[in-house]
Structure formats: C-alpha cells, structure tokens
C-alpha cells in the first residue's frame, strides 16, 4: 500500500520522464538542422592578488589571492560558449584529460545526449561538469539565437531580486567598524537584502555586531548570516537564537559540512529561524539524501558545484516536493552570475498564490576582477534591489579573452 506522497511522486516521475523524452526529441531535431561540431574545449585558470586580504570565519590566514576557472568551447561554425567553475577537486584535469577530448566532434545542440557523455567521463566530478555544462548552454543559446532561459522552457520573471553577499572579515579593520558601514553602503545602492559572515570571534561579541547591522539597515531590510562551518552545536544555537530575535531571514551552514552535513537535522529541529545550506551538494542524489533527512528549510546548491543549470533546476523541483525553498549559492565572476540569473529566471515560484519569497540571487560584493573586468556586463542591482535577466543569445554576456589572459596562470 503506497502513501499519497509516494503516489504523487510516482506521478511526477511519469510526467517528468515524458517531458524529458520530448525535450530530447526536440534537441535531436535541432542538432540535425544545425550540424555544428565541437572542435576544442579549453580551460583558463585565473588568479589575482587582492588589494586587501579578506575571508570568512575559518579563513586562516585571510585570503591574499583569488582564483577561478573558465571553460571555453569552440565549434567549426566559429561560435563559442563560456562557462565558469571553481579550480578545486581536480576539475581542471578532468576537463582537459577526459571531458574535453570526449566532446570533440559532438553537436552541442544535442544537450541531453552530450551531458550523458560528460557525466560518464569523470565519475560524477560535478565541479568539472558544472563549468562545461554552462559553456554548452551558452553555446547552444548562441547557435539557436535564444537566451539560455528559453532553452529550459522560458523565464517566469524578467528581474531577479538580489542580496548583497558582503560583510566579510577584512584585513586591517574590525567587524564592529566594517559591517555597519558596508550595510549602510549597500542599502544606499538599492539592495533590499544583505548577508554577513560570522563565526571568527566569540558569540557574544558578534551578537553585538549583528545588532549594530540591524540598527543601521533598519527593520525593512532582509538580513541573513553565514556561519561558514565555524560553530559547534551550542554556538550555532546561541547565535541562531540571537539572529532570530533580530528578525534575520536565515542562518546558513554554521556547522561543518563534512561528513555529509552531520547534525544538521538536529540543529534544524532546535532553531527558531530557517536553516539554510547545501552549497557543497554534488548532484541530485546528494540533494535527495539531505532532503529526506530534513536537514534544511532552504537548500543552496551552486550551478558550478552541482553539475550545471539543468542539474540545479532538477534539484529545485525535487526540493519543492518537500516544501523546501531553493536559494542558489553563487560566489564567482560575471559568467557564473549570468548562469545563475538565467536559472533563477526559470525557477517556479514557491507557492501557487502571489508569493513574496521569490528566489534570490547571491551577488558577491567582494573584490573580484572577473565580475567587473572580463565581460561587457557587470551585474548591479537597480534601486528596487533587482538584477535584470540578460536577453541576448546564450548567457547574454560577451567575454573579452584579452582581458581574461591578463589573469592567466599556468
């Protein structure tokens, strides 16, 4: 005898299977009509030295350099696609040695067929897959003369509310001085939501910092806090209670992520404000495990860490079955931001009515030249706190390869 939830999920699976079959048929027809072939997959490892060292609670010492990794896919039609991911977990070698050679000769318009090959070549190295998948989507959007959002059924919103991912620990200053000042600056720029880092100093001291930020920002600004895995259970609960009293929106990953977010379900049961996490999720299988354990009120996969736009969209739909909201993690340059903006434009609203809690964009405000110097679009909020969704083909941004090469390392 099956439960109502199991019946619903089985029905969803049947509908999803039919939809995917139809999508694959459309993609096969597009590939037949445009016999474009991939000729090369190139990787660019970038590095910059920061003007002032900064970091999170567990950054010891504070970071003096910043790195990212770009993926460029070239075709025999002269059309190129770009992606961005993190230079960790052997992603560079996985792309250079395995994924890249396997993609040469393939038609990027056959998206689902190509992605099966990508995943299979690297035993689920989702960090490598994420950068490649982003570039494939940018490429097929350019070939079809459509923005990436149209490739996944079309956008449901043209503007994305963003929160300023700001208030990091900065060399040469204290959070007591820095955080309220940055909160005031970001509100003046138009942000309606802000996130701070906590956990480097004792709980009592940082409660006062959070109080100062709330006082500066005012009661109408959404505030969130990221513990960056710095707390034990007691510290996470004590700080969580203080944040709840200050009307924060969520408390992000205060406990260690490894192994497999241990203890998060117990923490969630005891907290009085929503618990967010899951930026380290590798794929839909890992997401399902955490959702079944009821670890989070808000899940935060990253398109570069979990295998790309298509994989995160699947995770968001899976989370919705458990009434868990999805607010993606995004900590990169303009390419990664563009991919995340397109994803957010196609994610469903969390309820059937007139929701106010629509998906948010995490918009990093720290020093990052590949957010501001290597493309023709640098993402900023308007006075209402929103970022427009690019409407040009592909990701809707143009990468300046000469600017990219200024940061290139061997």
Protein backbone atom coordinates (compact mmCIF):
# COMPACT_ATOMS: atom_id res chain seq x y z
CA UNK A 1 0.00 0.00 0.00
CA UNK A 2 1.57 3.32 -1.04
CA UNK A 3 1.11 6.69 0.60
CA UNK A 4 -0.38 9.76 -1.03
CA UNK A 5 3.11 11.33 -1.21
CA UNK A 6 4.53 8.24 -2.93
CA UNK A 7 1.65 8.26 -5.40
CA UNK A 8 2.22 11.95 -6.13
CA UNK A 9 5.94 11.43 -6.58
CA UNK A 10 5.40 8.46 -8.90
CA UNK A 11 3.04 10.60 -10.99
CA UNK A 12 5.60 13.39 -11.10
CA UNK A 13 8.21 10.87 -12.25
CA UNK A 14 5.99 9.76 -15.15
CA UNK A 15 5.29 13.34 -16.21
CA UNK A 16 8.97 14.24 -15.89
CA UNK A 17 10.01 11.22 -17.96
CA UNK A 18 7.60 12.20 -20.74
CA UNK A 19 8.83 15.79 -20.67
CA UNK A 20 12.47 14.75 -20.88
CA UNK A 21 11.74 12.43 -23.79
CA UNK A 22 10.07 15.28 -25.68
CA UNK A 23 12.97 17.62 -24.88
CA UNK A 24 15.48 15.08 -26.18
CA UNK A 25 13.48 14.71 -29.42
CA UNK A 26 13.45 18.49 -29.92
CA UNK A 27 17.19 18.67 -29.27
CA UNK A 28 17.85 15.86 -31.76
CA UNK A 29 15.87 17.75 -34.41
CA UNK A 30 17.81 20.96 -33.68
CA UNK A 31 21.10 19.10 -33.97
CA UNK A 32 20.04 17.59 -37.30
CA UNK A 33 19.05 21.02 -38.63
CA UNK A 34 22.33 22.62 -37.47
CA UNK A 35 25.17 20.07 -37.76
CA UNK A 36 27.61 22.10 -35.65
CA UNK A 37 30.57 20.24 -34.17
CA UNK A 38 32.72 20.98 -31.15
CA UNK A 39 36.36 21.42 -32.16
CA UNK A 40 38.04 22.27 -28.83
CA UNK A 41 37.42 22.59 -25.10
CA UNK A 42 39.85 24.97 -23.41
CA UNK A 43 40.43 25.73 -19.72
CA UNK A 44 41.69 29.04 -18.30
CA UNK A 45 42.95 29.11 -14.71
CA UNK A 46 42.83 32.69 -13.43
CA UNK A 47 44.41 34.27 -10.37
CA UNK A 48 44.56 37.76 -8.89
CA UNK A 49 46.31 39.23 -5.89
CA UNK A 50 43.85 41.07 -3.65
CA UNK A 51 44.42 44.66 -2.61
CA UNK A 52 43.35 43.77 0.94
CA UNK A 53 43.19 40.25 2.32
CA UNK A 54 39.71 39.09 3.28
CA UNK A 55 37.86 35.91 4.14
CA UNK A 56 35.28 34.11 6.22
CA UNK A 57 35.31 32.79 9.76
CA UNK A 58 37.55 29.82 9.01
CA UNK A 59 39.96 31.64 6.63
CA UNK A 60 43.29 31.31 8.39
CA UNK A 61 45.11 33.34 7.31
CA UNK A 62 42.83 35.68 5.41
CA UNK A 63 42.91 35.16 1.66
CA UNK A 64 45.52 37.23 -0.22
CA UNK A 65 44.73 35.73 -3.64
CA UNK A 66 41.61 34.71 -5.51
CA UNK A 67 41.24 32.08 -8.24
CA UNK A 68 38.62 30.93 -10.71
CA UNK A 69 38.50 28.67 -13.75
CA UNK A 70 36.85 29.42 -17.09
CA UNK A 71 35.83 26.92 -19.76
CA UNK A 72 35.66 27.87 -23.44
CA UNK A 73 34.08 25.56 -26.03
CA UNK A 74 34.85 26.24 -29.71
CA UNK A 75 32.98 24.94 -32.78
CA UNK A 76 33.53 24.56 -36.51
CA UNK A 77 30.86 27.25 -37.02
CA UNK A 78 33.02 29.85 -35.28
CA UNK A 79 30.57 30.12 -32.37
CA UNK A 80 31.97 29.90 -28.82
CA UNK A 81 30.48 29.25 -25.40
CA UNK A 82 31.86 30.13 -21.96
CA UNK A 83 31.41 28.64 -18.51
CA UNK A 84 32.91 29.22 -15.07
CA UNK A 85 33.66 26.90 -12.18
CA UNK A 86 35.91 26.55 -9.15
CA UNK A 87 39.52 25.32 -9.52
CA UNK A 88 39.14 22.52 -6.96
CA UNK A 89 38.77 18.73 -6.72
CA UNK A 90 40.77 18.06 -9.88
CA UNK A 91 38.27 19.85 -12.11
CA UNK A 92 40.96 21.21 -14.43
CA UNK A 93 42.43 17.79 -15.16
CA UNK A 94 39.00 16.21 -15.51
CA UNK A 95 38.06 18.70 -18.23
CA UNK A 96 41.43 18.73 -20.01
CA UNK A 97 42.09 14.99 -19.94
CA UNK A 98 38.61 13.44 -20.04
CA UNK A 99 35.63 15.66 -20.83
CA UNK A 100 37.25 17.84 -23.48
CA UNK A 101 38.55 15.05 -25.74
CA UNK A 102 35.21 13.21 -25.42
CA UNK A 103 33.27 16.28 -26.61
CA UNK A 104 35.31 16.99 -29.72
CA UNK A 105 33.14 16.08 -32.71
CA UNK A 106 29.86 16.23 -30.74
CA UNK A 107 26.96 18.54 -31.60
CA UNK A 108 26.25 20.80 -28.56
CA UNK A 109 22.59 21.15 -29.60
CA UNK A 110 22.01 17.51 -28.59
CA UNK A 111 22.16 18.69 -24.98
CA UNK A 112 20.88 15.65 -23.08
CA UNK A 113 22.90 13.22 -25.21
CA UNK A 114 26.04 15.28 -24.74
CA UNK A 115 25.54 15.71 -21.00
CA UNK A 116 25.24 11.94 -20.51
CA UNK A 117 28.69 11.63 -22.02
CA UNK A 118 30.06 14.49 -19.88
CA UNK A 119 28.88 12.93 -16.61
CA UNK A 120 30.08 9.47 -17.61
CA UNK A 121 33.64 10.54 -18.40
CA UNK A 122 34.53 11.80 -14.91
CA UNK A 123 32.69 9.57 -12.42
CA UNK A 124 30.48 12.47 -11.34
CA UNK A 125 33.09 15.22 -10.85
CA UNK A 126 30.30 17.80 -10.62
CA UNK A 127 32.69 20.79 -10.36
CA UNK A 128 34.14 19.96 -13.77
CA UNK A 129 30.72 19.18 -15.22
CA UNK A 130 29.28 22.48 -13.92
CA UNK A 131 31.71 24.64 -15.89
CA UNK A 132 31.32 22.58 -19.05
CA UNK A 133 27.51 22.48 -18.85
CA UNK A 134 27.40 26.25 -18.51
CA UNK A 135 29.55 26.65 -21.62
CA UNK A 136 27.41 24.17 -23.58
CA UNK A 137 24.26 26.14 -22.70
CA UNK A 138 25.91 29.43 -23.65
CA UNK A 139 26.97 27.84 -26.92
CA UNK A 140 23.63 26.32 -27.88
CA UNK A 141 21.84 29.55 -26.99
CA UNK A 142 24.12 31.45 -29.35
CA UNK A 143 23.65 28.91 -32.13
CA UNK A 144 19.85 28.99 -31.75
CA UNK A 145 19.79 32.78 -31.21
CA UNK A 146 18.00 32.37 -27.87
CA UNK A 147 18.86 33.30 -24.28
CA UNK A 148 19.67 30.34 -22.03
CA UNK A 149 16.39 30.79 -20.15
CA UNK A 150 14.44 29.96 -23.33
CA UNK A 151 16.31 26.67 -23.67
CA UNK A 152 14.66 25.44 -20.47
CA UNK A 153 11.08 26.38 -21.23
CA UNK A 154 11.18 30.16 -20.88
CA UNK A 155 11.52 32.57 -17.99
CA UNK A 156 8.83 33.26 -15.44
CA UNK A 157 10.40 36.54 -14.32
CA UNK A 158 12.45 39.23 -16.08
CA UNK A 159 14.12 40.63 -12.95
CA UNK A 160 15.72 38.79 -10.06
CA UNK A 161 15.80 40.15 -6.50
CA UNK A 162 19.38 40.04 -5.23
CA UNK A 163 21.04 40.07 -1.85
CA UNK A 164 24.45 41.60 -1.26
CA UNK A 165 26.88 38.89 -0.20
CA UNK A 166 29.06 41.26 1.77
CA UNK A 167 30.43 41.92 5.26
CA UNK A 168 33.44 39.58 5.15
CA UNK A 169 36.35 39.77 7.57
CA UNK A 170 38.80 42.32 6.11
CA UNK A 171 42.46 42.85 6.92
CA UNK A 172 43.14 45.99 8.95
CA UNK A 173 39.66 46.57 10.35
CA UNK A 174 37.15 45.07 12.77
CA UNK A 175 33.64 43.81 12.02
CA UNK A 176 32.31 46.37 14.53
CA UNK A 177 33.58 49.15 12.27
CA UNK A 178 33.23 47.46 8.87
CA UNK A 179 29.88 45.66 8.92
CA UNK A 180 27.54 48.57 9.77
CA UNK A 181 29.36 50.79 7.27
CA UNK A 182 29.05 48.23 4.47
CA UNK A 183 25.40 47.63 5.35
CA UNK A 184 24.70 51.34 5.00
CA UNK A 185 26.54 51.50 1.65
CA UNK A 186 24.72 48.52 0.17
CA UNK A 187 21.29 49.76 1.23
CA UNK A 188 22.11 53.10 -0.40
CA UNK A 189 22.96 51.23 -3.64
CA UNK A 190 19.48 49.69 -3.72
CA UNK A 191 19.91 46.31 -2.03
CA UNK A 192 16.91 45.18 0.00
CA UNK A 193 18.71 42.15 1.44
CA UNK A 194 22.21 41.65 2.90
CA UNK A 195 24.29 38.73 4.17
CA UNK A 196 27.16 38.84 6.67
CA UNK A 197 29.82 36.34 7.72
CA UNK A 198 30.01 35.30 11.36
CA UNK A 199 32.00 32.85 13.47
CA UNK A 200 35.52 34.26 13.71
CA UNK A 201 35.02 35.79 17.15
CA UNK A 202 33.10 34.81 20.31
CA UNK A 203 29.33 34.62 20.04
CA UNK A 204 28.63 37.46 22.48
CA UNK A 205 30.90 39.84 20.57
CA UNK A 206 29.35 39.01 17.20
CA UNK A 207 25.81 39.27 18.52
CA UNK A 208 26.59 42.94 19.16
CA UNK A 209 27.88 43.24 15.58
CA UNK A 210 24.65 41.74 14.25
CA UNK A 211 22.64 44.13 16.43
CA UNK A 212 24.59 47.08 15.00
CA UNK A 213 23.91 45.94 11.44
CA UNK A 214 20.19 45.55 12.12
CA UNK A 215 20.07 49.04 13.64
CA UNK A 216 21.93 50.53 10.65
CA UNK A 217 19.99 48.68 7.96
CA UNK A 218 16.59 49.26 9.55
CA UNK A 219 13.63 46.91 10.05
CA UNK A 220 12.63 46.59 6.39
CA UNK A 221 15.90 45.14 5.07
CA UNK A 222 16.24 41.36 4.90
CA UNK A 223 19.31 40.14 6.79
CA UNK A 224 20.99 36.75 6.58
CA UNK A 225 24.10 35.30 8.19
CA UNK A 226 26.61 32.66 7.07
CA UNK A 227 28.48 30.76 9.78
CA UNK A 228 30.84 29.10 7.28
CA UNK A 229 31.11 25.92 9.36
CA UNK A 230 32.71 27.69 12.33
CA UNK A 231 30.39 26.59 15.16
CA UNK A 232 29.72 23.68 17.45
CA UNK A 233 26.09 22.83 18.16
CA UNK A 234 25.84 25.11 21.22
CA UNK A 235 27.42 28.08 19.44
CA UNK A 236 25.20 27.58 16.41
CA UNK A 237 22.12 27.51 18.65
CA UNK A 238 23.16 30.54 20.73
CA UNK A 239 23.93 32.66 17.66
CA UNK A 240 20.86 31.32 15.88
CA UNK A 241 18.60 32.42 18.73
CA UNK A 242 20.13 35.90 18.70
CA UNK A 243 19.66 36.16 14.94
CA UNK A 244 16.06 35.05 15.30
CA UNK A 245 15.48 37.78 17.89
CA UNK A 246 16.92 40.29 15.39
CA UNK A 247 14.49 39.06 12.67
CA UNK A 248 17.13 37.56 10.37
CA UNK A 249 15.77 35.56 7.44
CA UNK A 250 18.07 32.55 7.66
CA UNK A 251 21.16 31.07 9.34
CA UNK A 252 23.49 29.46 6.80
CA UNK A 253 25.76 26.46 7.38
CA UNK A 254 27.02 27.17 10.92
CA UNK A 255 28.15 23.54 11.45
CA UNK A 256 30.84 21.76 9.41
CA UNK A 257 29.69 20.42 6.03
CA UNK A 258 31.63 17.15 6.35
CA UNK A 259 30.81 14.40 6.77
CA UNK A 260 27.59 14.74 4.79
CA UNK A 261 26.21 17.66 6.84
CA UNK A 262 26.15 15.59 10.02
CA UNK A 263 23.97 17.04 12.79
CA UNK A 264 22.06 19.48 10.62
CA UNK A 265 18.71 17.78 11.07
CA UNK A 266 19.08 18.04 14.86
CA UNK A 267 20.12 21.69 14.61
CA UNK A 268 17.13 22.49 12.39
CA UNK A 269 14.72 20.95 14.92
CA UNK A 270 16.05 23.23 17.67
CA UNK A 271 16.32 26.52 15.76
CA UNK A 272 13.58 29.13 15.67
CA UNK A 273 14.65 30.62 12.32
CA UNK A 274 15.14 28.90 8.95
CA UNK A 275 18.32 26.89 8.46
CA UNK A 276 19.99 27.15 5.05
CA UNK A 277 22.72 25.06 3.47
CA UNK A 278 23.80 22.64 0.81
CA UNK A 279 26.28 24.68 -1.24
CA UNK A 280 28.61 21.64 -1.32
CA UNK A 281 25.97 19.38 -2.92
CA UNK A 282 27.44 17.42 -5.81
CA UNK A 283 24.26 16.37 -7.61
CA UNK A 284 20.58 15.42 -7.31
CA UNK A 285 21.42 12.20 -5.45
CA UNK A 286 23.19 14.10 -2.67
CA UNK A 287 20.34 16.61 -2.59
CA UNK A 288 17.75 13.87 -2.21
CA UNK A 289 19.62 12.42 0.78
CA UNK A 290 19.64 15.76 2.59
CA UNK A 291 16.01 16.46 1.73
CA UNK A 292 14.97 13.04 3.03
CA UNK A 293 16.84 13.74 6.27
CA UNK A 294 15.07 17.13 6.53
CA UNK A 295 18.34 18.99 7.10
CA UNK A 296 17.33 22.40 5.73
CA UNK A 297 14.46 24.83 5.33
CA UNK A 298 16.36 26.42 2.41
CA UNK A 299 18.68 24.48 0.11
CA UNK A 300 21.60 26.25 -1.62
CA UNK A 301 23.20 24.26 -4.45
CA UNK A 302 25.62 26.06 -6.79
CA UNK A 303 25.43 25.53 -10.56
CA UNK A 304 29.24 25.29 -10.72
CA UNK A 305 29.44 22.76 -7.88
CA UNK A 306 26.43 20.52 -8.58
CA UNK A 307 26.78 19.95 -12.32
CA UNK A 308 25.23 22.96 -14.00
CA UNK A 309 21.98 24.76 -14.69
CA UNK A 310 19.99 21.68 -15.67
CA UNK A 311 21.06 19.75 -12.57
CA UNK A 312 20.23 22.60 -10.20
CA UNK A 313 16.84 23.09 -11.81
CA UNK A 314 16.12 19.40 -11.17
CA UNK A 315 17.24 19.78 -7.52
CA UNK A 316 14.98 22.84 -7.08
CA UNK A 317 11.98 20.89 -8.37
CA UNK A 318 12.90 17.98 -6.10
CA UNK A 319 13.14 20.34 -3.11
CA UNK A 320 9.74 21.83 -3.90
CA UNK A 321 8.16 18.41 -3.33
CA UNK A 322 9.30 18.72 0.30
CA UNK A 323 8.28 22.40 0.56
CA UNK A 324 11.96 23.37 0.79
CA UNK A 325 12.88 26.66 -0.84
CA UNK A 326 15.90 26.91 -3.16
CA UNK A 327 18.24 29.92 -2.92
CA UNK A 328 21.33 29.06 -5.00
CA UNK A 329 24.86 29.69 -3.81
CA UNK A 330 26.85 31.93 -6.19
CA UNK A 331 30.39 33.08 -5.45
CA UNK A 332 32.06 33.87 -8.75
CA UNK A 333 32.50 36.19 -11.67
CA UNK A 334 30.16 37.52 -14.32
CA UNK A 335 29.90 34.21 -16.20
CA UNK A 336 28.79 32.28 -13.12
CA UNK A 337 26.45 35.11 -12.11
CA UNK A 338 24.89 35.16 -15.60
CA UNK A 339 24.26 31.42 -15.46
CA UNK A 340 22.69 31.74 -12.02
CA UNK A 341 20.49 34.65 -13.12
CA UNK A 342 19.14 32.61 -16.04
CA UNK A 343 18.48 29.69 -13.69
CA UNK A 344 16.60 31.93 -11.25
CA UNK A 345 14.51 33.34 -14.08
CA UNK A 346 13.08 29.89 -14.86
CA UNK A 347 12.62 28.55 -11.32
CA UNK A 348 8.99 28.22 -10.24
CA UNK A 349 7.52 30.43 -7.56
CA UNK A 350 7.44 28.69 -4.17
CA UNK A 351 3.63 28.81 -3.88
CA UNK A 352 0.56 28.90 -6.15
CA UNK A 353 -0.60 32.31 -4.96
CA UNK A 354 1.20 35.65 -5.12
CA UNK A 355 4.48 34.78 -3.40
CA UNK A 356 6.81 37.37 -1.92
CA UNK A 357 9.60 34.87 -1.24
CA UNK A 358 10.73 34.51 -4.85
CA UNK A 359 14.18 33.00 -5.46
CA UNK A 360 17.06 35.32 -4.55
CA UNK A 361 20.39 35.90 -6.33
CA UNK A 362 23.51 35.88 -4.17
CA UNK A 363 25.54 38.78 -5.57
CA UNK A 364 29.11 38.79 -4.25
CA UNK A 365 30.36 42.29 -3.41
CA UNK A 366 33.97 41.47 -2.53
CA UNK A 367 36.97 42.27 -4.73
CA UNK A 368 36.60 40.18 -7.89
CA UNK A 369 38.02 41.39 -11.24
CA UNK A 370 36.32 38.66 -13.26
CA UNK A 371 33.00 40.05 -12.11
CA UNK A 372 33.93 43.56 -13.26
CA UNK A 373 36.72 43.42 -15.88
CA UNK A 374 36.44 40.47 -18.29
CA UNK A 375 32.93 40.83 -19.72
CA UNK A 376 30.78 43.60 -21.13
CA UNK A 377 28.20 43.14 -18.34
CA UNK A 378 28.91 43.72 -14.64
CA UNK A 379 25.85 42.81 -12.63
CA UNK A 380 24.40 45.54 -10.39
CA UNK A 381 21.07 46.00 -8.65
CA UNK A 382 18.68 48.75 -9.57
CA UNK A 383 17.08 50.97 -6.95
CA UNK A 384 14.47 48.31 -6.23
CA UNK A 385 17.11 45.68 -5.45
CA UNK A 386 16.69 43.68 -8.67
CA UNK A 387 19.04 42.46 -11.42
CA UNK A 388 17.66 42.24 -14.98
CA UNK A 389 17.86 38.90 -16.80
CA UNK A 390 20.07 39.19 -19.93
CA UNK A 391 18.06 38.92 -23.15
CA UNK A 392 20.82 38.41 -25.71
CA UNK A 393 21.58 34.89 -27.01
CA UNK A 394 23.30 32.41 -24.73
CA UNK A 395 24.25 33.74 -21.32
CA UNK A 396 23.77 37.24 -22.72
CA UNK A 397 27.28 38.47 -21.99
CA UNK A 398 30.42 38.85 -24.10
CA UNK A 399 33.75 37.65 -22.73
CA UNK A 400 36.90 39.66 -23.56
CA UNK A 401 39.54 36.96 -23.98
CA UNK A 402 42.35 39.50 -23.95
CA UNK A 403 41.20 40.65 -20.52
CA UNK A 404 40.93 37.02 -19.41
CA UNK A 405 44.55 36.37 -20.38
CA UNK A 406 45.77 39.18 -18.09
CA UNK A 407 44.89 36.93 -15.14
CA UNK A 408 46.01 33.64 -16.69
CA UNK A 409 48.32 31.34 -14.72
CA UNK A 410 49.99 28.15 -15.87
